[in-house]
């Protein structure tokens, strides 16, 4: 990634964190965030199509992580019932 692309990614993640923090009040989860520029990078880590990614799509993912960190994975997935 270029320096500008990295800066844009960092800005998008920061905006997503703020959006999730605004809902929960504070963040307890501390995920490791991987950002891929290409499908070749994204596929092996479980990704599908990159499509258009931004804080709008990052926020729901961070929200899922936050919910899992607060309740535990077993309480947030119906297939564990």
N, C-alpha and C. Protein backbone atom coordinates (compact mmCIF):
# COMPACT_ATOMS: atom_id res chain seq x y z
N UNK A 1 0.84 -1.18 0.00
CA UNK A 1 0.00 0.00 0.00
C UNK A 1 0.88 1.24 0.00
N UNK A 2 0.39 2.26 -0.63
CA UNK A 2 1.12 3.53 -0.60
C UNK A 2 0.92 4.18 0.76
N UNK A 3 1.71 5.17 1.04
CA UNK A 3 1.56 5.90 2.30
C UNK A 3 0.17 6.52 2.40
N UNK A 4 -0.34 7.05 1.30
CA UNK A 4 -1.68 7.64 1.31
C UNK A 4 -2.75 6.59 1.57
N UNK A 5 -2.61 5.41 0.96
CA UNK A 5 -3.57 4.33 1.19
C UNK A 5 -3.54 3.87 2.65
N UNK A 6 -2.35 3.76 3.21
CA UNK A 6 -2.23 3.39 4.64
C UNK A 6 -2.89 4.44 5.52
N UNK A 7 -2.65 5.71 5.22
CA UNK A 7 -3.26 6.79 6.01
C UNK A 7 -4.78 6.74 5.89
N UNK A 8 -5.29 6.47 4.69
CA UNK A 8 -6.74 6.37 4.51
C UNK A 8 -7.31 5.20 5.29
N UNK A 9 -6.59 4.08 5.30
CA UNK A 9 -7.04 2.90 6.06
C UNK A 9 -7.04 3.20 7.56
N UNK A 10 -6.01 3.85 8.04
CA UNK A 10 -5.95 4.21 9.46
C UNK A 10 -7.09 5.16 9.83
N UNK A 11 -7.39 6.10 8.95
CA UNK A 11 -8.49 7.03 9.19
C UNK A 11 -9.81 6.29 9.23
N UNK A 12 -10.00 5.34 8.30
CA UNK A 12 -11.25 4.56 8.25
C UNK A 12 -11.43 3.72 9.51
N UNK A 13 -10.36 3.09 9.97
CA UNK A 13 -10.44 2.27 11.19
C UNK A 13 -10.72 3.16 12.40
N UNK A 14 -10.07 4.30 12.49
CA UNK A 14 -10.31 5.22 13.60
C UNK A 14 -11.77 5.69 13.61
N UNK A 15 -12.31 6.00 12.43
CA UNK A 15 -13.70 6.43 12.35
C UNK A 15 -14.64 5.30 12.76
N UNK A 16 -14.32 4.08 12.34
CA UNK A 16 -15.14 2.93 12.72
C UNK A 16 -15.11 2.70 14.22
N UNK A 17 -13.92 2.80 14.80
CA UNK A 17 -13.81 2.64 16.26
C UNK A 17 -14.64 3.69 16.99
N UNK A 18 -14.60 4.92 16.53
CA UNK A 18 -15.38 5.99 17.16
C UNK A 18 -16.87 5.72 17.04
N UNK A 19 -17.28 5.21 15.91
CA UNK A 19 -18.70 4.90 15.71
C UNK A 19 -19.16 3.82 16.70
N UNK A 20 -18.37 2.76 16.83
CA UNK A 20 -18.72 1.68 17.75
C UNK A 20 -18.62 2.16 19.19
N UNK A 21 -17.60 2.93 19.49
CA UNK A 21 -17.44 3.49 20.84
C UNK A 21 -18.63 4.38 21.19
N UNK A 22 -19.15 5.12 20.22
CA UNK A 22 -20.32 5.95 20.46
C UNK A 22 -21.54 5.15 20.88
N UNK A 23 -21.65 3.93 20.38
CA UNK A 23 -22.77 3.06 20.77
C UNK A 23 -22.54 2.43 22.13
N UNK A 24 -21.35 1.84 22.32
CA UNK A 24 -21.06 1.10 23.55
C UNK A 24 -20.57 1.98 24.70
N UNK A 25 -20.10 3.17 24.40
CA UNK A 25 -19.57 4.04 25.43
C UNK A 25 -18.08 3.88 25.65
N UNK A 26 -17.60 2.67 25.49
CA UNK A 26 -16.17 2.36 25.62
C UNK A 26 -15.92 1.07 24.87
N UNK A 27 -14.68 0.85 24.50
CA UNK A 27 -14.34 -0.38 23.79
C UNK A 27 -13.58 -1.32 24.70
N UNK A 28 -14.03 -2.56 24.80
CA UNK A 28 -13.33 -3.57 25.58
C UNK A 28 -12.53 -4.51 24.70
N UNK A 29 -13.01 -4.72 23.49
CA UNK A 29 -12.31 -5.61 22.56
C UNK A 29 -11.06 -4.94 22.03
N UNK A 30 -10.08 -5.74 21.72
CA UNK A 30 -8.82 -5.22 21.17
C UNK A 30 -8.39 -6.11 20.02
N UNK A 31 -9.13 -6.05 18.91
CA UNK A 31 -8.81 -6.95 17.80
C UNK A 31 -7.53 -6.57 17.07
N UNK A 32 -6.92 -7.56 16.48
CA UNK A 32 -5.82 -7.32 15.55
C UNK A 32 -6.47 -7.09 14.20
N UNK A 33 -6.19 -5.98 13.58
CA UNK A 33 -6.84 -5.62 12.33
C UNK A 33 -5.87 -5.83 11.18
N UNK A 34 -6.32 -6.62 10.21
CA UNK A 34 -5.54 -6.88 9.01
C UNK A 34 -6.22 -6.16 7.85
N UNK A 35 -5.45 -5.44 7.08
CA UNK A 35 -5.99 -4.70 5.95
C UNK A 35 -5.27 -5.16 4.69
N UNK A 36 -6.06 -5.57 3.72
CA UNK A 36 -5.51 -6.03 2.45
C UNK A 36 -5.89 -5.08 1.33
N UNK A 37 -4.98 -4.91 0.42
CA UNK A 37 -5.23 -4.08 -0.75
C UNK A 37 -5.72 -4.91 -1.93
N UNK A 38 -5.35 -6.19 -1.96
CA UNK A 38 -5.67 -7.03 -3.10
C UNK A 38 -6.48 -8.25 -2.68
N UNK A 39 -7.17 -8.82 -3.67
CA UNK A 39 -7.92 -10.07 -3.44
C UNK A 39 -6.96 -11.20 -3.09
N UNK A 40 -5.76 -11.18 -3.66
CA UNK A 40 -4.75 -12.22 -3.39
C UNK A 40 -4.39 -12.24 -1.91
N UNK A 41 -4.31 -11.08 -1.30
CA UNK A 41 -4.03 -10.97 0.13
C UNK A 41 -5.25 -11.37 0.96
N UNK A 42 -6.42 -10.90 0.54
CA UNK A 42 -7.65 -11.05 1.32
C UNK A 42 -8.19 -12.47 1.35
N UNK A 43 -8.09 -13.19 0.24
CA UNK A 43 -8.63 -14.54 0.16
C UNK A 43 -8.09 -15.51 1.20
N UNK A 44 -6.78 -15.64 1.35
CA UNK A 44 -6.23 -16.60 2.31
C UNK A 44 -6.57 -16.34 3.78
N UNK A 45 -6.98 -15.13 4.11
CA UNK A 45 -7.36 -14.86 5.51
C UNK A 45 -8.87 -14.95 5.70
N UNK A 46 -9.56 -15.55 4.71
CA UNK A 46 -10.99 -15.81 4.86
C UNK A 46 -11.90 -14.80 4.22
N UNK A 47 -11.34 -13.86 3.47
CA UNK A 47 -12.16 -12.83 2.86
C UNK A 47 -12.75 -13.25 1.54
N UNK A 48 -13.82 -12.61 1.18
CA UNK A 48 -14.44 -12.81 -0.13
C UNK A 48 -13.98 -11.70 -1.04
N UNK A 49 -14.93 -11.01 -1.62
CA UNK A 49 -14.60 -9.89 -2.50
C UNK A 49 -14.32 -8.65 -1.66
N UNK A 50 -13.27 -7.94 -2.01
CA UNK A 50 -12.96 -6.71 -1.28
C UNK A 50 -14.02 -5.65 -1.51
N UNK A 51 -14.46 -5.51 -2.74
CA UNK A 51 -15.47 -4.50 -3.02
C UNK A 51 -15.05 -3.14 -2.50
N UNK A 52 -16.00 -2.36 -2.04
CA UNK A 52 -15.71 -1.04 -1.50
C UNK A 52 -15.72 -1.13 0.02
N UNK A 53 -14.61 -0.87 0.63
CA UNK A 53 -14.49 -0.96 2.09
C UNK A 53 -14.25 0.43 2.66
N UNK A 54 -14.84 0.70 3.80
CA UNK A 54 -14.66 1.98 4.48
C UNK A 54 -15.03 1.79 5.93
N UNK A 55 -15.04 2.88 6.68
CA UNK A 55 -15.44 2.76 8.08
C UNK A 55 -16.88 2.29 8.19
N UNK A 56 -17.68 2.52 7.17
CA UNK A 56 -19.08 2.09 7.20
C UNK A 56 -19.15 0.57 7.25
N UNK A 57 -18.27 -0.12 6.53
CA UNK A 57 -18.26 -1.58 6.61
C UNK A 57 -17.37 -2.08 7.74
N UNK A 58 -16.41 -1.30 8.15
CA UNK A 58 -15.54 -1.70 9.26
C UNK A 58 -16.29 -1.61 10.59
N UNK A 59 -17.16 -0.64 10.74
CA UNK A 59 -17.87 -0.45 12.01
C UNK A 59 -18.71 -1.67 12.40
N UNK A 60 -19.49 -2.26 11.48
CA UNK A 60 -20.24 -3.46 11.88
C UNK A 60 -19.34 -4.61 12.30
N UNK A 61 -18.21 -4.78 11.62
CA UNK A 61 -17.28 -5.84 12.01
C UNK A 61 -16.71 -5.58 13.40
N UNK A 62 -16.32 -4.35 13.67
CA UNK A 62 -15.82 -4.00 15.00
C UNK A 62 -16.92 -4.15 16.05
N UNK A 63 -18.15 -3.87 15.67
CA UNK A 63 -19.28 -4.03 16.59
C UNK A 63 -19.47 -5.50 16.96
N UNK A 64 -19.33 -6.40 15.99
CA UNK A 64 -19.43 -7.83 16.29
C UNK A 64 -18.33 -8.25 17.26
N UNK A 65 -17.13 -7.76 17.02
CA UNK A 65 -16.01 -8.08 17.90
C UNK A 65 -16.28 -7.58 19.31
N UNK A 66 -16.81 -6.37 19.42
CA UNK A 66 -17.11 -5.80 20.73
C UNK A 66 -18.17 -6.62 21.45
N UNK A 67 -19.21 -7.01 20.73
CA UNK A 67 -20.26 -7.83 21.33
C UNK A 67 -19.69 -9.16 21.82
N UNK A 68 -18.86 -9.79 21.00
CA UNK A 68 -18.24 -11.06 21.40
C UNK A 68 -17.34 -10.88 22.61
N UNK A 69 -16.63 -9.77 22.68
CA UNK A 69 -15.74 -9.57 23.83
C UNK A 69 -16.51 -9.33 25.11
N UNK A 70 -17.70 -8.78 25.00
CA UNK A 70 -18.51 -8.50 26.19
C UNK A 70 -19.32 -9.71 26.65
N UNK A 71 -19.87 -10.46 25.70
CA UNK A 71 -20.76 -11.56 26.05
C UNK A 71 -20.13 -12.94 25.92
N UNK A 72 -19.09 -13.03 25.13
CA UNK A 72 -18.51 -14.33 24.81
C UNK A 72 -19.13 -14.85 23.54
N UNK A 73 -18.35 -15.55 22.77
CA UNK A 73 -18.80 -16.03 21.46
C UNK A 73 -20.00 -16.96 21.58
N UNK A 74 -20.01 -17.83 22.56
CA UNK A 74 -21.10 -18.80 22.70
C UNK A 74 -22.45 -18.13 22.90
N UNK A 75 -22.50 -16.99 23.55
CA UNK A 75 -23.76 -16.30 23.80
C UNK A 75 -24.21 -15.44 22.64
N UNK A 76 -23.35 -15.26 21.65
CA UNK A 76 -23.72 -14.40 20.53
C UNK A 76 -23.96 -15.18 19.23
N UNK A 77 -23.80 -16.50 19.27
CA UNK A 77 -24.01 -17.32 18.08
C UNK A 77 -25.06 -18.37 18.34
N UNK A 78 -26.12 -18.38 17.56
CA UNK A 78 -27.22 -19.29 17.79
C UNK A 78 -26.85 -20.75 17.59
N UNK A 79 -25.81 -21.03 16.78
CA UNK A 79 -25.46 -22.45 16.55
C UNK A 79 -24.81 -23.09 17.77
N UNK A 80 -24.54 -22.33 18.81
CA UNK A 80 -24.01 -22.89 20.05
C UNK A 80 -25.11 -23.32 20.99
N UNK A 81 -26.34 -23.00 20.65
CA UNK A 81 -27.46 -23.35 21.55
C UNK A 81 -27.78 -24.81 21.52
